[in-house]
Amino acid sequence: MKKTYILDGLDCAHCAAEIENNVSKLEGVDSVSVSFLTTKMIVETAEEPTADMVKKLKKTVKKTDPDVEMKEA
């Protein structure tokens, strides 16, 4: 299942790559793509992301770049 999130405050291509790398390591994430130009993150998982999974995604994004806030698209 593909889910798109907005990365509000993403202003660095390196940060986008770091977020993509860190999120890809999370359990349950099959693939992830972060676009610096559109500030969108597309996460693919086997099933609908649970509230716990979304919380882990947000925590990973915040830990990678404290200035970025992940929002539902």
PDB file of N, CA and C in Angstrom:
ATOM      1  N   MET A   1       0.837  -1.173   0.000  1.00  0.00           N
ATOM      2  CA  MET A   1       0.000   0.000   0.000  1.00  0.00           C
ATOM      3  C   MET A   1       0.878   1.231   0.000  1.00  0.00           C
ATOM      4  N   LYS A   2       0.657   2.121  -0.947  1.00  0.00           N
ATOM      5  CA  LYS A   2       1.423   3.364  -1.033  1.00  0.00           C
ATOM      6  C   LYS A   2       0.699   4.472  -0.278  1.00  0.00           C
ATOM      7  N   LYS A   3       1.473   5.220   0.486  1.00  0.00           N
ATOM      8  CA  LYS A   3       0.926   6.335   1.250  1.00  0.00           C
ATOM      9  C   LYS A   3       1.850   7.528   1.038  1.00  0.00           C
ATOM     10  N   THR A   4       1.267   8.689   0.781  1.00  0.00           N
ATOM     11  CA  THR A   4       2.049   9.900   0.532  1.00  0.00           C
ATOM     12  C   THR A   4       1.939  10.850   1.721  1.00  0.00           C
ATOM     13  N   TYR A   5       3.072  11.415   2.104  1.00  0.00           N
ATOM     14  CA  TYR A   5       3.128  12.376   3.198  1.00  0.00           C
ATOM     15  C   TYR A   5       3.841  13.636   2.708  1.00  0.00           C
ATOM     16  N   ILE A   6       3.462  14.766   3.269  1.00  0.00           N
ATOM     17  CA  ILE A   6       4.115  16.045   2.991  1.00  0.00           C
ATOM     18  C   ILE A   6       5.188  16.252   4.056  1.00  0.00           C
ATOM     19  N   LEU A   7       6.377  16.650   3.628  1.00  0.00           N
ATOM     20  CA  LEU A   7       7.457  16.955   4.559  1.00  0.00           C
ATOM     21  C   LEU A   7       7.598  18.476   4.618  1.00  0.00           C
ATOM     22  N   ASP A   8       6.812  19.078   5.496  1.00  0.00           N
ATOM     23  CA  ASP A   8       6.771  20.537   5.636  1.00  0.00           C
ATOM     24  C   ASP A   8       8.066  21.026   6.270  1.00  0.00           C
ATOM     25  N   GLY A   9       8.740  21.952   5.597  1.00  0.00           N
ATOM     26  CA  GLY A   9       9.981  22.505   6.122  1.00  0.00           C
ATOM     27  C   GLY A   9      11.223  21.860   5.533  1.00  0.00           C
ATOM     28  N   LEU A  10      11.048  20.911   4.627  1.00  0.00           N
ATOM     29  CA  LEU A  10      12.199  20.267   3.984  1.00  0.00           C
ATOM     30  C   LEU A  10      12.848  21.269   3.034  1.00  0.00           C
ATOM     31  N   ASP A  11      14.102  21.641   3.337  1.00  0.00           N
ATOM     32  CA  ASP A  11      14.757  22.658   2.517  1.00  0.00           C
ATOM     33  C   ASP A  11      16.177  22.281   2.111  1.00  0.00           C
ATOM     34  N   CYS A  12      16.461  20.981   2.108  1.00  0.00           N
ATOM     35  CA  CYS A  12      17.822  20.541   1.821  1.00  0.00           C
ATOM     36  C   CYS A  12      17.780  19.171   1.148  1.00  0.00           C
ATOM     37  N   ALA A  13      18.415  19.052  -0.014  1.00  0.00           N
ATOM     38  CA  ALA A  13      18.421  17.788  -0.754  1.00  0.00           C
ATOM     39  C   ALA A  13      19.141  16.695   0.036  1.00  0.00           C
ATOM     40  N   HIS A  14      20.179  17.071   0.744  1.00  0.00           N
ATOM     41  CA  HIS A  14      20.902  16.097   1.575  1.00  0.00           C
ATOM     42  C   HIS A  14      19.994  15.560   2.681  1.00  0.00           C
ATOM     43  N   CYS A  15      19.209  16.442   3.281  1.00  0.00           N
ATOM     44  CA  CYS A  15      18.279  16.029   4.345  1.00  0.00           C
ATOM     45  C   CYS A  15      17.226  15.066   3.779  1.00  0.00           C
ATOM     46  N   ALA A  16      16.765  15.335   2.566  1.00  0.00           N
ATOM     47  CA  ALA A  16      15.783  14.457   1.924  1.00  0.00           C
ATOM     48  C   ALA A  16      16.368  13.063   1.750  1.00  0.00           C
ATOM     49  N   ALA A  17      17.625  12.997   1.331  1.00  0.00           N
ATOM     50  CA  ALA A  17      18.293  11.707   1.152  1.00  0.00           C
ATOM     51  C   ALA A  17      18.476  10.983   2.484  1.00  0.00           C
ATOM     52  N   GLU A  18      18.822  11.733   3.518  1.00  0.00           N
ATOM     53  CA  GLU A  18      18.994  11.149   4.851  1.00  0.00           C
ATOM     54  C   GLU A  18      17.671  10.602   5.390  1.00  0.00           C
ATOM     55  N   ILE A  19      16.590  11.363   5.200  1.00  0.00           N
ATOM     56  CA  ILE A  19      15.266  10.910   5.643  1.00  0.00           C
ATOM     57  C   ILE A  19      14.899   9.628   4.900  1.00  0.00           C
ATOM     58  N   GLU A  20      15.099   9.619   3.590  1.00  0.00           N
ATOM     59  CA  GLU A  20      14.795   8.430   2.785  1.00  0.00           C
ATOM     60  C   GLU A  20      15.588   7.222   3.286  1.00  0.00           C
ATOM     61  N   ASN A  21      16.866   7.423   3.545  1.00  0.00           N
ATOM     62  CA  ASN A  21      17.727   6.341   4.026  1.00  0.00           C
ATOM     63  C   ASN A  21      17.268   5.812   5.382  1.00  0.00           C
ATOM     64  N   ASN A  22      16.973   6.711   6.314  1.00  0.00           N
ATOM     65  CA  ASN A  22      16.582   6.299   7.666  1.00  0.00           C
ATOM     66  C   ASN A  22      15.206   5.634   7.692  1.00  0.00           C
ATOM     67  N   VAL A  23      14.254   6.161   6.934  1.00  0.00           N
ATOM     68  CA  VAL A  23      12.910   5.577   6.900  1.00  0.00           C
ATOM     69  C   VAL A  23      12.953   4.192   6.253  1.00  0.00           C
ATOM     70  N   SER A  24      13.826   4.014   5.263  1.00  0.00           N
ATOM     71  CA  SER A  24      13.916   2.713   4.584  1.00  0.00           C
ATOM     72  C   SER A  24      14.350   1.595   5.528  1.00  0.00           C
ATOM     73  N   LYS A  25      14.990   1.950   6.626  1.00  0.00           N
ATOM     74  CA  LYS A  25      15.467   0.958   7.604  1.00  0.00           C
ATOM     75  C   LYS A  25      14.387   0.520   8.584  1.00  0.00           C
ATOM     76  N   LEU A  26      13.251   1.207   8.601  1.00  0.00           N
ATOM     77  CA  LEU A  26      12.188   0.873   9.546  1.00  0.00           C
ATOM     78  C   LEU A  26      11.516  -0.450   9.176  1.00  0.00           C
ATOM     79  N   GLU A  27      11.177  -1.216  10.194  1.00  0.00           N
ATOM     80  CA  GLU A  27      10.479  -2.483   9.984  1.00  0.00           C
ATOM     81  C   GLU A  27       9.092  -2.210   9.404  1.00  0.00           C
ATOM     82  N   GLY A  28       8.735  -2.953   8.370  1.00  0.00           N
ATOM     83  CA  GLY A  28       7.427  -2.803   7.751  1.00  0.00           C
ATOM     84  C   GLY A  28       7.429  -1.903   6.528  1.00  0.00           C
ATOM     85  N   VAL A  29       8.529  -1.178   6.310  1.00  0.00           N
ATOM     86  CA  VAL A  29       8.639  -0.302   5.134  1.00  0.00           C
ATOM     87  C   VAL A  29       9.262  -1.101   4.001  1.00  0.00           C
ATOM     88  N   ASP A  30       8.493  -1.296   2.916  1.00  0.00           N
ATOM     89  CA  ASP A  30       9.000  -2.026   1.755  1.00  0.00           C
ATOM     90  C   ASP A  30       9.857  -1.132   0.873  1.00  0.00           C
ATOM     91  N   SER A  31       9.410   0.106   0.674  1.00  0.00           N
ATOM     92  CA  SER A  31      10.199   1.078  -0.083  1.00  0.00           C
ATOM     93  C   SER A  31       9.775   2.485   0.306  1.00  0.00           C
ATOM     94  N   VAL A  32      10.675   3.421   0.054  1.00  0.00           N
ATOM     95  CA  VAL A  32      10.388   4.825   0.361  1.00  0.00           C
ATOM     96  C   VAL A  32      11.080   5.699  -0.674  1.00  0.00           C
ATOM     97  N   SER A  33      10.405   6.784  -1.036  1.00  0.00           N
ATOM     98  CA  SER A  33      10.963   7.738  -1.978  1.00  0.00           C
ATOM     99  C   SER A  33      10.661   9.138  -1.460  1.00  0.00           C
ATOM    100  N   VAL A  34      11.707   9.940  -1.295  1.00  0.00           N
ATOM    101  CA  VAL A  34      11.539  11.315  -0.838  1.00  0.00           C
ATOM    102  C   VAL A  34      11.943  12.245  -1.972  1.00  0.00           C
ATOM    103  N   SER A  35      11.050  13.153  -2.339  1.00  0.00           N
ATOM    104  CA  SER A  35      11.335  14.130  -3.379  1.00  0.00           C
ATOM    105  C   SER A  35      11.563  15.496  -2.740  1.00  0.00           C
ATOM    106  N   PHE A  36      12.776  15.999  -2.890  1.00  0.00           N
ATOM    107  CA  PHE A  36      13.108  17.325  -2.364  1.00  0.00           C
ATOM    108  C   PHE A  36      12.300  18.411  -3.079  1.00  0.00           C
ATOM    109  N   LEU A  37      12.118  18.254  -4.391  1.00  0.00           N
ATOM    110  CA  LEU A  37      11.420  19.278  -5.179  1.00  0.00           C
ATOM    111  C   LEU A  37       9.953  19.428  -4.790  1.00  0.00           C
ATOM    112  N   THR A  38       9.281  18.292  -4.532  1.00  0.00           N
ATOM    113  CA  THR A  38       7.855  18.353  -4.191  1.00  0.00           C
ATOM    114  C   THR A  38       7.620  18.285  -2.688  1.00  0.00           C
ATOM    115  N   THR A  39       8.666  18.059  -1.921  1.00  0.00           N
ATOM    116  CA  THR A  39       8.623  17.857  -0.462  1.00  0.00           C
ATOM    117  C   THR A  39       7.639  16.755  -0.075  1.00  0.00           C
ATOM    118  N   LYS A  40       7.579  15.703  -0.905  1.00  0.00           N
ATOM    119  CA  LYS A  40       6.694  14.573  -0.618  1.00  0.00           C
ATOM    120  C   LYS A  40       7.510  13.323  -0.343  1.00  0.00           C
ATOM    121  N   MET A  41       6.971  12.502   0.547  1.00  0.00           N
ATOM    122  CA  MET A  41       7.565  11.204   0.848  1.00  0.00           C
ATOM    123  C   MET A  41       6.508  10.142   0.552  1.00  0.00           C
ATOM    124  N   ILE A  42       6.856   9.201  -0.302  1.00  0.00           N
ATOM    125  CA  ILE A  42       5.951   8.102  -0.624  1.00  0.00           C
ATOM    126  C   ILE A  42       6.504   6.845   0.038  1.00  0.00           C
ATOM    127  N   VAL A  43       5.690   6.267   0.911  1.00  0.00           N
ATOM    128  CA  VAL A  43       6.087   5.075   1.653  1.00  0.00           C
ATOM    129  C   VAL A  43       5.224   3.912   1.187  1.00  0.00           C
ATOM    130  N   GLU A  44       5.873   2.806   0.853  1.00  0.00           N
ATOM    131  CA  GLU A  44       5.146   1.611   0.439  1.00  0.00           C
ATOM    132  C   GLU A  44       5.294   0.542   1.514  1.00  0.00           C
ATOM    133  N   THR A  45       4.141   0.025   1.961  1.00  0.00           N
ATOM    134  CA  THR A  45       4.107  -1.017   2.976  1.00  0.00           C
ATOM    135  C   THR A  45       3.192  -2.137   2.497  1.00  0.00           C
ATOM    136  N   ALA A  46       3.311  -3.301   3.133  1.00  0.00           N
ATOM    137  CA  ALA A  46       2.498  -4.452   2.739  1.00  0.00           C
ATOM    138  C   ALA A  46       1.017  -4.197   2.996  1.00  0.00           C
ATOM    139  N   GLU A  47       0.714  -3.503   4.092  1.00  0.00           N
ATOM    140  CA  GLU A  47      -0.678  -3.199   4.428  1.00  0.00           C
ATOM    141  C   GLU A  47      -0.802  -1.763   4.903  1.00  0.00           C
ATOM    142  N   GLU A  48      -2.012  -1.325   5.142  1.00  0.00           N
ATOM    143  CA  GLU A  48      -2.279   0.048   5.602  1.00  0.00           C
ATOM    144  C   GLU A  48      -1.421   0.347   6.841  1.00  0.00           C
ATOM    145  N   PRO A  49      -0.676   1.474   6.814  1.00  0.00           N
ATOM    146  CA  PRO A  49       0.150   1.814   7.978  1.00  0.00           C
ATOM    147  C   PRO A  49      -0.708   2.027   9.235  1.00  0.00           C
ATOM    148  N   THR A  50      -0.300   1.400  10.314  1.00  0.00           N
ATOM    149  CA  THR A  50      -1.006   1.554  11.590  1.00  0.00           C
ATOM    150  C   THR A  50      -0.617   2.881  12.222  1.00  0.00           C
ATOM    151  N   ALA A  51      -1.335   3.271  13.254  1.00  0.00           N
ATOM    152  CA  ALA A  51      -1.019   4.511  13.979  1.00  0.00           C
ATOM    153  C   ALA A  51       0.396   4.433  14.548  1.00  0.00           C
ATOM    154  N   ASP A  52       0.790   3.245  14.988  1.00  0.00           N
ATOM    155  CA  ASP A  52       2.129   3.042  15.539  1.00  0.00           C
ATOM    156  C   ASP A  52       3.193   3.247  14.456  1.00  0.00           C
ATOM    157  N   MET A  53       2.928   2.747  13.261  1.00  0.00           N
ATOM    158  CA  MET A  53       3.860   2.903  12.144  1.00  0.00           C
ATOM    159  C   MET A  53       4.003   4.381  11.769  1.00  0.00           C
ATOM    160  N   VAL A  54       2.883   5.098  11.719  1.00  0.00           N
ATOM    161  CA  VAL A  54       2.920   6.527  11.381  1.00  0.00           C
ATOM    162  C   VAL A  54       3.718   7.284  12.440  1.00  0.00           C
ATOM    163  N   LYS A  55       3.547   6.898  13.699  1.00  0.00           N
ATOM    164  CA  LYS A  55       4.287   7.529  14.796  1.00  0.00           C
ATOM    165  C   LYS A  55       5.793   7.295  14.627  1.00  0.00           C
ATOM    166  N   LYS A  56       6.182   6.082  14.230  1.00  0.00           N
ATOM    167  CA  LYS A  56       7.595   5.770  13.998  1.00  0.00           C
ATOM    168  C   LYS A  56       8.138   6.570  12.811  1.00  0.00           C
ATOM    169  N   LEU A  57       7.325   6.710  11.767  1.00  0.00           N
ATOM    170  CA  LEU A  57       7.742   7.506  10.610  1.00  0.00           C
ATOM    171  C   LEU A  57       8.006   8.951  11.026  1.00  0.00           C
ATOM    172  N   LYS A  58       7.052   9.542  11.763  1.00  0.00           N
ATOM    173  CA  LYS A  58       7.191  10.933  12.211  1.00  0.00           C
ATOM    174  C   LYS A  58       8.423  11.107  13.097  1.00  0.00           C
ATOM    175  N   LYS A  59       8.642  10.150  14.002  1.00  0.00           N
ATOM    176  CA  LYS A  59       9.775  10.211  14.920  1.00  0.00           C
ATOM    177  C   LYS A  59      11.095  10.142  14.146  1.00  0.00           C
ATOM    178  N   THR A  60      11.156   9.277  13.143  1.00  0.00           N
ATOM    179  CA  THR A  60      12.365   9.132  12.334  1.00  0.00           C
ATOM    180  C   THR A  60      12.635  10.392  11.529  1.00  0.00           C
ATOM    181  N   VAL A  61      11.590  10.969  10.951  1.00  0.00           N
ATOM    182  CA  VAL A  61      11.744  12.213  10.186  1.00  0.00           C
ATOM    183  C   VAL A  61      12.245  13.321  11.105  1.00  0.00           C
ATOM    184  N   LYS A  62      11.632  13.471  12.283  1.00  0.00           N
ATOM    185  CA  LYS A  62      12.013  14.516  13.245  1.00  0.00           C
ATOM    186  C   LYS A  62      13.442  14.344  13.730  1.00  0.00           C
ATOM    187  N   LYS A  63      13.830  13.069  13.997  1.00  0.00           N
ATOM    188  CA  LYS A  63      15.175  12.779  14.487  1.00  0.00           C
ATOM    189  C   LYS A  63      16.213  13.112  13.407  1.00  0.00           C
ATOM    190  N   THR A  64      15.863  12.852  12.143  1.00  0.00           N
ATOM    191  CA  THR A  64      16.774  13.122  11.028  1.00  0.00           C
ATOM    192  C   THR A  64      16.906  14.609  10.777  1.00  0.00           C
ATOM    193  N   ASP A  65      15.785  15.319  10.774  1.00  0.00           N
ATOM    194  CA  ASP A  65      15.779  16.764  10.554  1.00  0.00           C
ATOM    195  C   ASP A  65      14.723  17.396  11.447  1.00  0.00           C
ATOM    196  N   PRO A  66      15.136  17.971  12.577  1.00  0.00           N
ATOM    197  CA  PRO A  66      14.187  18.550  13.548  1.00  0.00           C
ATOM    198  C   PRO A  66      13.277  19.646  12.990  1.00  0.00           C
ATOM    199  N   ASP A  67      13.675  20.263  11.874  1.00  0.00           N
ATOM    200  CA  ASP A  67      12.881  21.359  11.300  1.00  0.00           C
ATOM    201  C   ASP A  67      11.754  20.884  10.376  1.00  0.00           C
ATOM    202  N   VAL A  68      11.729  19.572  10.097  1.00  0.00           N
ATOM    203  CA  VAL A  68      10.739  19.021   9.170  1.00  0.00           C
ATOM    204  C   VAL A  68       9.579  18.392   9.935  1.00  0.00           C
ATOM    205  N   GLU A  69       8.366  18.716   9.500  1.00  0.00           N
ATOM    206  CA  GLU A  69       7.164  18.129  10.086  1.00  0.00           C
ATOM    207  C   GLU A  69       6.444  17.285   9.030  1.00  0.00           C
ATOM    208  N   MET A  70       6.212  16.018   9.352  1.00  0.00           N
ATOM    209  CA  MET A  70       5.523  15.108   8.432  1.00  0.00           C
ATOM    210  C   MET A  70       4.015  15.263   8.609  1.00  0.00           C
ATOM    211  N   LYS A  71       3.326  15.474   7.485  1.00  0.00           N
ATOM    212  CA  LYS A  71       1.870  15.645   7.508  1.00  0.00           C
ATOM    213  C   LYS A  71       1.226  14.698   6.499  1.00  0.00           C
ATOM    214  N   GLU A  72      -0.035  14.349   6.758  1.00  0.00           N
ATOM    215  CA  GLU A  72      -0.790  13.534   5.795  1.00  0.00           C
ATOM    216  C   GLU A  72      -0.999  14.342   4.520  1.00  0.00           C
ATOM    217  N   ALA A  73      -0.880  13.686   3.390  1.00  0.00           N
ATOM    218  CA  ALA A  73      -1.085  14.381   2.108  1.00  0.00           C
ATOM    219  C   ALA A  73      -2.542  14.375   1.727  1.00  0.00           C
TER     220      ALA A  73
END
